[in-house]
Every structure is written in structure tokens, then in C-alpha cells.
Amino acid sequence: MAAEGIEARLRDLGGFIRDQRRRDQLSLRKLSELAGVSNPYLSQIERGLRKPSAEILQAIARALRISSETLYVRAGILDDERVAGVADAIERDPMLRDEQKRALTDAYLRMREEVAAGGAAAGDR
């Protein structure tokens, strides 16, 4: 993706987070506390200046009471239906606790990011 596309995606993500925060009538400071991120870092995310990790997006989503996948798609982490399907399946599994779901989703997304960055997929070895 071209640099302009990445910047546009980050601005869209930040604007969406800001809109959700305002919808919930949360100050930037309150959301940063709920998500466990610093106030300046959250401000930079909202302004599209920083690309948050999957873990940070998950913390923000939890604080806003929205699905992590919503933020992953906006951030460009999830962009294919198979990936969204895996994340949805993990989220729907009634046998897993919330922290287990987060750990599985984070591990899955990190592995996909490694492959995208040049690591070999299991079927490529």
C-alpha cells in the first residue's frame, strides 16, 4: 500500500476511534485510562500520526465496548474474509475466557504480520 494510503487509513482509524469516544461521552484522558495507554499516545492515534499494534487496538476496543475486529479492519490488520472468519470464530467460542480469546487473536495476527513481513508460511517450508 502506498504511503498516502497508509496515512489515509490511519486518519480514518483515528477519526473512528474519536467518534466512538465522543459517542460514549468519554474524554481523551478517560479513554486512555480505560485502555491503559498514555494520553499523548492515544491523541496521536486519534490524529492518525501513530499506527497502534493489535494489542493496543484491542485495549481501545475493549474500553469502547466495540469488537476488536472493527478496529483491526480499519487499521488494515484484517482485510480478508478468511482472517476475519478466524477472529470471529475465536470471539464466538463459548469455551474460551476473554483473556484467552485476546491471546489467541493477538498470536494469530502477529503470525500473519510476520508472514507478510517476509517470514515463511507453514505451507511454504
N, C-alpha and C. Protein backbone atom coordinates (compact mmCIF):
# COMPACT_ATOMS: atom_id res chain seq x y z
N MET A 1 0.86 -1.18 0.00
CA MET A 1 0.00 0.00 0.00
C MET A 1 0.90 1.23 0.00
N ALA A 2 0.55 2.21 -0.80
CA ALA A 2 1.34 3.43 -0.89
C ALA A 2 1.25 4.20 0.42
N ALA A 3 2.26 5.05 0.64
CA ALA A 3 2.31 5.83 1.88
C ALA A 3 1.04 6.66 2.07
N GLU A 4 0.51 7.23 0.98
CA GLU A 4 -0.71 8.03 1.10
C GLU A 4 -1.87 7.17 1.58
N GLY A 5 -1.93 5.92 1.10
CA GLY A 5 -3.00 5.01 1.52
C GLY A 5 -2.90 4.65 2.98
N ILE A 6 -1.68 4.43 3.45
CA ILE A 6 -1.48 4.10 4.86
C ILE A 6 -1.86 5.30 5.74
N GLU A 7 -1.43 6.49 5.32
CA GLU A 7 -1.77 7.69 6.09
C GLU A 7 -3.27 7.90 6.13
N ALA A 8 -3.94 7.69 5.01
CA ALA A 8 -5.40 7.85 4.96
C ALA A 8 -6.08 6.83 5.87
N ARG A 9 -5.58 5.60 5.86
CA ARG A 9 -6.15 4.55 6.71
C ARG A 9 -5.98 4.90 8.18
N LEU A 10 -4.80 5.43 8.54
CA LEU A 10 -4.56 5.81 9.94
C LEU A 10 -5.45 6.97 10.37
N ARG A 11 -5.65 7.93 9.46
CA ARG A 11 -6.56 9.05 9.78
C ARG A 11 -7.99 8.54 9.95
N ASP A 12 -8.41 7.61 9.09
CA ASP A 12 -9.74 7.03 9.19
C ASP A 12 -9.90 6.28 10.51
N LEU A 13 -8.91 5.48 10.86
CA LEU A 13 -8.93 4.74 12.12
C LEU A 13 -9.02 5.71 13.30
N GLY A 14 -8.16 6.73 13.31
CA GLY A 14 -8.17 7.70 14.40
C GLY A 14 -9.48 8.44 14.51
N GLY A 15 -10.03 8.83 13.37
CA GLY A 15 -11.32 9.52 13.37
C GLY A 15 -12.43 8.63 13.90
N PHE A 16 -12.38 7.35 13.53
CA PHE A 16 -13.39 6.41 14.01
C PHE A 16 -13.29 6.24 15.53
N ILE A 17 -12.08 6.10 16.03
CA ILE A 17 -11.89 5.97 17.49
C ILE A 17 -12.39 7.22 18.19
N ARG A 18 -12.05 8.39 17.67
CA ARG A 18 -12.50 9.66 18.26
C ARG A 18 -14.04 9.72 18.26
N ASP A 19 -14.66 9.34 17.13
CA ASP A 19 -16.13 9.36 17.05
C ASP A 19 -16.75 8.42 18.08
N GLN A 20 -16.17 7.24 18.24
CA GLN A 20 -16.70 6.29 19.23
C GLN A 20 -16.52 6.82 20.65
N ARG A 21 -15.38 7.45 20.89
CA ARG A 21 -15.12 8.03 22.21
C ARG A 21 -16.15 9.12 22.51
N ARG A 22 -16.39 9.98 21.54
CA ARG A 22 -17.37 11.06 21.73
C ARG A 22 -18.78 10.51 21.88
N ARG A 23 -19.09 9.46 21.12
CA ARG A 23 -20.40 8.81 21.25
C ARG A 23 -20.64 8.36 22.68
N ASP A 24 -19.58 7.82 23.29
CA ASP A 24 -19.67 7.34 24.68
C ASP A 24 -19.46 8.46 25.70
N GLN A 25 -19.29 9.68 25.21
CA GLN A 25 -19.07 10.85 26.06
C GLN A 25 -17.89 10.66 27.00
N LEU A 26 -16.79 10.16 26.41
CA LEU A 26 -15.56 9.96 27.18
C LEU A 26 -14.54 11.02 26.79
N SER A 27 -13.85 11.52 27.76
CA SER A 27 -12.74 12.43 27.45
C SER A 27 -11.58 11.57 26.94
N LEU A 28 -10.65 12.23 26.28
CA LEU A 28 -9.44 11.54 25.82
C LEU A 28 -8.72 10.91 27.01
N ARG A 29 -8.63 11.66 28.08
CA ARG A 29 -7.96 11.17 29.28
C ARG A 29 -8.65 9.93 29.85
N LYS A 30 -9.98 9.94 29.91
CA LYS A 30 -10.72 8.80 30.46
C LYS A 30 -10.53 7.56 29.59
N LEU A 31 -10.61 7.72 28.27
CA LEU A 31 -10.41 6.57 27.39
C LEU A 31 -8.98 6.04 27.53
N SER A 32 -8.01 6.93 27.64
CA SER A 32 -6.63 6.47 27.79
C SER A 32 -6.47 5.67 29.08
N GLU A 33 -7.14 6.08 30.15
CA GLU A 33 -7.11 5.33 31.40
C GLU A 33 -7.76 3.96 31.24
N LEU A 34 -8.95 3.94 30.63
CA LEU A 34 -9.68 2.69 30.45
C LEU A 34 -8.91 1.70 29.56
N ALA A 35 -8.22 2.22 28.55
CA ALA A 35 -7.49 1.37 27.62
C ALA A 35 -6.08 1.05 28.10
N GLY A 36 -5.60 1.79 29.10
CA GLY A 36 -4.26 1.54 29.60
C GLY A 36 -3.16 2.03 28.69
N VAL A 37 -3.44 3.12 27.96
CA VAL A 37 -2.42 3.75 27.11
C VAL A 37 -2.25 5.19 27.55
N SER A 38 -1.13 5.77 27.21
CA SER A 38 -0.90 7.15 27.64
C SER A 38 -1.80 8.11 26.86
N ASN A 39 -2.13 9.20 27.51
CA ASN A 39 -2.96 10.23 26.89
C ASN A 39 -2.32 10.77 25.60
N PRO A 40 -1.02 11.11 25.59
CA PRO A 40 -0.41 11.61 24.35
C PRO A 40 -0.42 10.58 23.22
N TYR A 41 -0.19 9.31 23.57
CA TYR A 41 -0.18 8.26 22.55
C TYR A 41 -1.57 8.11 21.93
N LEU A 42 -2.61 8.08 22.77
CA LEU A 42 -3.98 7.98 22.25
C LEU A 42 -4.31 9.18 21.38
N SER A 43 -3.89 10.35 21.77
CA SER A 43 -4.11 11.55 20.97
C SER A 43 -3.45 11.41 19.59
N GLN A 44 -2.24 10.87 19.56
CA GLN A 44 -1.55 10.67 18.28
C GLN A 44 -2.28 9.65 17.42
N ILE A 45 -2.82 8.61 18.04
CA ILE A 45 -3.60 7.62 17.29
C ILE A 45 -4.83 8.29 16.69
N GLU A 46 -5.55 9.06 17.49
CA GLU A 46 -6.76 9.73 17.00
C GLU A 46 -6.47 10.70 15.86
N ARG A 47 -5.29 11.30 15.87
CA ARG A 47 -4.94 12.24 14.81
C ARG A 47 -4.30 11.55 13.60
N GLY A 48 -4.18 10.22 13.67
CA GLY A 48 -3.63 9.47 12.55
C GLY A 48 -2.12 9.56 12.43
N LEU A 49 -1.45 9.91 13.53
CA LEU A 49 0.00 10.08 13.50
C LEU A 49 0.77 8.82 13.91
N ARG A 50 0.09 7.89 14.56
CA ARG A 50 0.73 6.66 15.02
C ARG A 50 -0.08 5.46 14.58
N LYS A 51 0.63 4.37 14.26
CA LYS A 51 -0.03 3.11 13.92
C LYS A 51 0.01 2.21 15.16
N PRO A 52 -1.13 2.00 15.79
CA PRO A 52 -1.15 1.18 17.00
C PRO A 52 -1.02 -0.30 16.67
N SER A 53 -0.48 -1.05 17.61
CA SER A 53 -0.37 -2.50 17.47
C SER A 53 -1.75 -3.13 17.65
N ALA A 54 -1.83 -4.41 17.31
CA ALA A 54 -3.09 -5.15 17.52
C ALA A 54 -3.46 -5.16 19.00
N GLU A 55 -2.46 -5.26 19.89
CA GLU A 55 -2.75 -5.27 21.32
C GLU A 55 -3.35 -3.95 21.79
N ILE A 56 -2.81 -2.83 21.31
CA ILE A 56 -3.34 -1.52 21.68
C ILE A 56 -4.75 -1.35 21.13
N LEU A 57 -4.96 -1.77 19.88
CA LEU A 57 -6.31 -1.68 19.31
C LEU A 57 -7.30 -2.50 20.11
N GLN A 58 -6.86 -3.65 20.55
CA GLN A 58 -7.75 -4.50 21.35
C GLN A 58 -8.10 -3.82 22.67
N ALA A 59 -7.14 -3.18 23.30
CA ALA A 59 -7.39 -2.48 24.55
C ALA A 59 -8.35 -1.32 24.34
N ILE A 60 -8.17 -0.59 23.24
CA ILE A 60 -9.08 0.53 22.93
C ILE A 60 -10.48 0.01 22.65
N ALA A 61 -10.56 -1.07 21.87
CA ALA A 61 -11.87 -1.66 21.55
C ALA A 61 -12.58 -2.11 22.81
N ARG A 62 -11.86 -2.73 23.71
CA ARG A 62 -12.45 -3.20 24.97
C ARG A 62 -12.97 -2.00 25.77
N ALA A 63 -12.18 -0.93 25.82
CA ALA A 63 -12.59 0.26 26.57
C ALA A 63 -13.82 0.91 25.95
N LEU A 64 -13.93 0.84 24.62
CA LEU A 64 -15.07 1.44 23.92
C LEU A 64 -16.26 0.48 23.80
N ARG A 65 -16.05 -0.76 24.24
CA ARG A 65 -17.09 -1.79 24.15
C ARG A 65 -17.52 -2.03 22.71
N ILE A 66 -16.54 -2.13 21.81
CA ILE A 66 -16.80 -2.50 20.42
C ILE A 66 -15.89 -3.68 20.10
N SER A 67 -16.14 -4.35 18.97
CA SER A 67 -15.33 -5.51 18.63
C SER A 67 -13.94 -5.08 18.18
N SER A 68 -12.96 -5.85 18.57
CA SER A 68 -11.59 -5.60 18.14
C SER A 68 -11.48 -5.67 16.63
N GLU A 69 -12.24 -6.58 16.02
CA GLU A 69 -12.18 -6.77 14.59
C GLU A 69 -12.54 -5.49 13.83
N THR A 70 -13.47 -4.73 14.39
CA THR A 70 -13.85 -3.46 13.77
C THR A 70 -12.63 -2.56 13.62
N LEU A 71 -11.83 -2.47 14.67
CA LEU A 71 -10.63 -1.63 14.62
C LEU A 71 -9.54 -2.28 13.77
N TYR A 72 -9.43 -3.62 13.81
CA TYR A 72 -8.42 -4.30 13.01
C TYR A 72 -8.66 -4.05 11.51
N VAL A 73 -9.91 -4.10 11.10
CA VAL A 73 -10.24 -3.86 9.69
C VAL A 73 -9.88 -2.43 9.31
N ARG A 74 -10.26 -1.48 10.13
CA ARG A 74 -9.95 -0.07 9.85
C ARG A 74 -8.46 0.20 9.83
N ALA A 75 -7.71 -0.56 10.64
CA ALA A 75 -6.26 -0.37 10.69
C ALA A 75 -5.54 -1.13 9.57
N GLY A 76 -6.28 -1.97 8.85
CA GLY A 76 -5.66 -2.74 7.78
C GLY A 76 -5.03 -4.04 8.25
N ILE A 77 -5.27 -4.41 9.50
CA ILE A 77 -4.72 -5.68 10.01
C ILE A 77 -5.57 -6.83 9.49
N LEU A 78 -6.86 -6.66 9.50
CA LEU A 78 -7.78 -7.65 8.93
C LEU A 78 -8.34 -7.07 7.64
N ASP A 79 -8.06 -7.73 6.55
CA ASP A 79 -8.62 -7.22 5.31
C ASP A 79 -9.07 -8.33 4.41
N ASP A 80 -8.98 -9.55 4.86
CA ASP A 80 -9.52 -10.61 4.03
C ASP A 80 -10.50 -11.43 4.84
N GLU A 81 -11.50 -11.94 4.17
CA GLU A 81 -12.60 -12.60 4.87
C GLU A 81 -12.16 -13.81 5.67
N ARG A 82 -11.12 -14.51 5.21
CA ARG A 82 -10.64 -15.67 5.97
C ARG A 82 -10.09 -15.25 7.32
N VAL A 83 -9.35 -14.15 7.34
CA VAL A 83 -8.78 -13.67 8.59
C VAL A 83 -9.90 -13.23 9.53
N ALA A 84 -10.84 -12.48 9.01
CA ALA A 84 -11.97 -12.05 9.83
C ALA A 84 -12.74 -13.25 10.35
N GLY A 85 -12.85 -14.29 9.53
CA GLY A 85 -13.55 -15.50 9.95
C GLY A 85 -12.87 -16.18 11.12
N VAL A 86 -11.55 -16.23 11.09
CA VAL A 86 -10.80 -16.83 12.20
C VAL A 86 -11.01 -16.01 13.47
N ALA A 87 -10.86 -14.69 13.35
CA ALA A 87 -11.04 -13.82 14.52
C ALA A 87 -12.46 -13.93 15.06
N ASP A 88 -13.45 -14.00 14.17
CA ASP A 88 -14.84 -14.14 14.61
C ASP A 88 -15.06 -15.47 15.32
N ALA A 89 -14.47 -16.54 14.78
CA ALA A 89 -14.63 -17.86 15.39
C ALA A 89 -14.03 -17.87 16.80
N ILE A 90 -12.87 -17.27 16.95
CA ILE A 90 -12.26 -17.18 18.29
C ILE A 90 -13.18 -16.41 19.23
N GLU A 91 -13.69 -15.29 18.76
CA GLU A 91 -14.54 -14.43 19.59
C GLU A 91 -15.83 -15.14 20.01
N ARG A 92 -16.38 -15.98 19.14
CA ARG A 92 -17.66 -16.65 19.43
C ARG A 92 -17.52 -17.91 20.28
N ASP A 93 -16.32 -18.42 20.46
CA ASP A 93 -16.14 -19.69 21.17
C ASP A 93 -16.52 -19.52 22.65
N PRO A 94 -17.59 -20.20 23.08
CA PRO A 94 -18.06 -20.03 24.46
C PRO A 94 -17.16 -20.70 25.50
N MET A 95 -16.25 -21.57 25.06
CA MET A 95 -15.37 -22.28 25.99
C MET A 95 -14.16 -21.46 26.40
N LEU A 96 -13.90 -20.37 25.69
CA LEU A 96 -12.71 -19.55 25.97
C LEU A 96 -13.07 -18.35 26.83
N ARG A 97 -12.17 -18.03 27.76
CA ARG A 97 -12.32 -16.81 28.55
C ARG A 97 -11.85 -15.63 27.69
N ASP A 98 -12.26 -14.42 28.07
CA ASP A 98 -11.91 -13.23 27.30
C ASP A 98 -10.40 -13.09 27.12
N GLU A 99 -9.63 -13.33 28.17
CA GLU A 99 -8.17 -13.18 28.05
C GLU A 99 -7.58 -14.23 27.12
N GLN A 100 -8.19 -15.42 27.05
CA GLN A 100 -7.73 -16.45 26.12
C GLN A 100 -8.04 -16.05 24.68
N LYS A 101 -9.22 -15.49 24.48
CA LYS A 101 -9.60 -15.02 23.15
C LYS A 101 -8.64 -13.94 22.67
N ARG A 102 -8.32 -13.00 23.55
CA ARG A 102 -7.38 -11.93 23.19
C ARG A 102 -6.01 -12.50 22.85
N ALA A 103 -5.53 -13.45 23.65
CA ALA A 103 -4.21 -14.04 23.42
C ALA A 103 -4.17 -14.79 22.09
N LEU A 104 -5.22 -15.56 21.80
CA LEU A 104 -5.26 -16.29 20.53
C LEU A 104 -5.32 -15.34 19.33
N THR A 105 -6.17 -14.34 19.42
CA THR A 105 -6.30 -13.38 18.32
C THR A 105 -5.00 -12.63 18.12
N ASP A 106 -4.37 -12.19 19.20
CA ASP A 106 -3.09 -11.47 19.10
C ASP A 106 -2.02 -12.36 18.48
N ALA A 107 -1.94 -13.61 18.93
CA ALA A 107 -0.92 -14.53 18.39
C ALA A 107 -1.16 -14.76 16.89
N TYR A 108 -2.41 -14.97 16.52
CA TYR A 108 -2.75 -15.19 15.11
C TYR A 108 -2.37 -13.98 14.25
N LEU A 109 -2.70 -12.79 14.72
CA LEU A 109 -2.39 -11.59 13.94
C LEU A 109 -0.88 -11.34 13.88
N ARG A 110 -0.16 -11.62 14.96
CA ARG A 110 1.30 -11.47 14.93
C ARG A 110 1.92 -12.42 13.91
N MET A 111 1.43 -13.66 13.87
CA MET A 111 1.95 -14.63 12.89
C MET A 111 1.68 -14.17 11.47
N ARG A 112 0.49 -13.64 11.23
CA ARG A 112 0.17 -13.13 9.88
C ARG A 112 1.06 -11.96 9.53
N GLU A 113 1.32 -11.08 10.50
CA GLU A 113 2.19 -9.93 10.25
C GLU A 113 3.61 -10.39 9.93
N GLU A 114 4.10 -11.44 10.63
CA GLU A 114 5.43 -11.99 10.36
C GLU A 114 5.51 -12.52 8.93
N VAL A 115 4.47 -13.25 8.52
CA VAL A 115 4.46 -13.80 7.16
C VAL A 115 4.43 -12.66 6.14
N ALA A 116 3.62 -11.64 6.40
CA ALA A 116 3.53 -10.52 5.49
C ALA A 116 4.85 -9.76 5.42
N ALA A 117 5.60 -9.78 6.52
CA ALA A 117 6.89 -9.07 6.55
C ALA A 117 8.02 -9.90 5.95
N GLY A 118 7.71 -11.09 5.47
CA GLY A 118 8.74 -11.87 4.80
C GLY A 118 9.04 -13.21 5.41
N GLY A 119 8.39 -13.54 6.51
CA GLY A 119 8.58 -14.86 7.11
C GLY A 119 7.87 -15.90 6.26
N ALA A 120 8.26 -17.13 6.38
CA ALA A 120 7.65 -18.20 5.60
C ALA A 120 6.37 -18.70 6.26
N ALA A 121 5.34 -18.89 5.46
CA ALA A 121 4.11 -19.51 5.96
C ALA A 121 4.36 -21.00 6.12
N ALA A 122 3.58 -21.66 6.96
CA ALA A 122 3.79 -23.08 7.24
C ALA A 122 3.78 -23.91 5.96
N GLY A 123 2.92 -23.61 5.03
CA GLY A 123 2.83 -24.36 3.79
C GLY A 123 3.96 -24.07 2.81
N ASP A 124 4.77 -23.06 3.10
CA ASP A 124 5.86 -22.66 2.20
C ASP A 124 7.19 -23.31 2.55
N ARG A 125 7.23 -24.04 3.64
CA ARG A 125 8.51 -24.63 4.08
C ARG A 125 8.79 -25.93 3.40
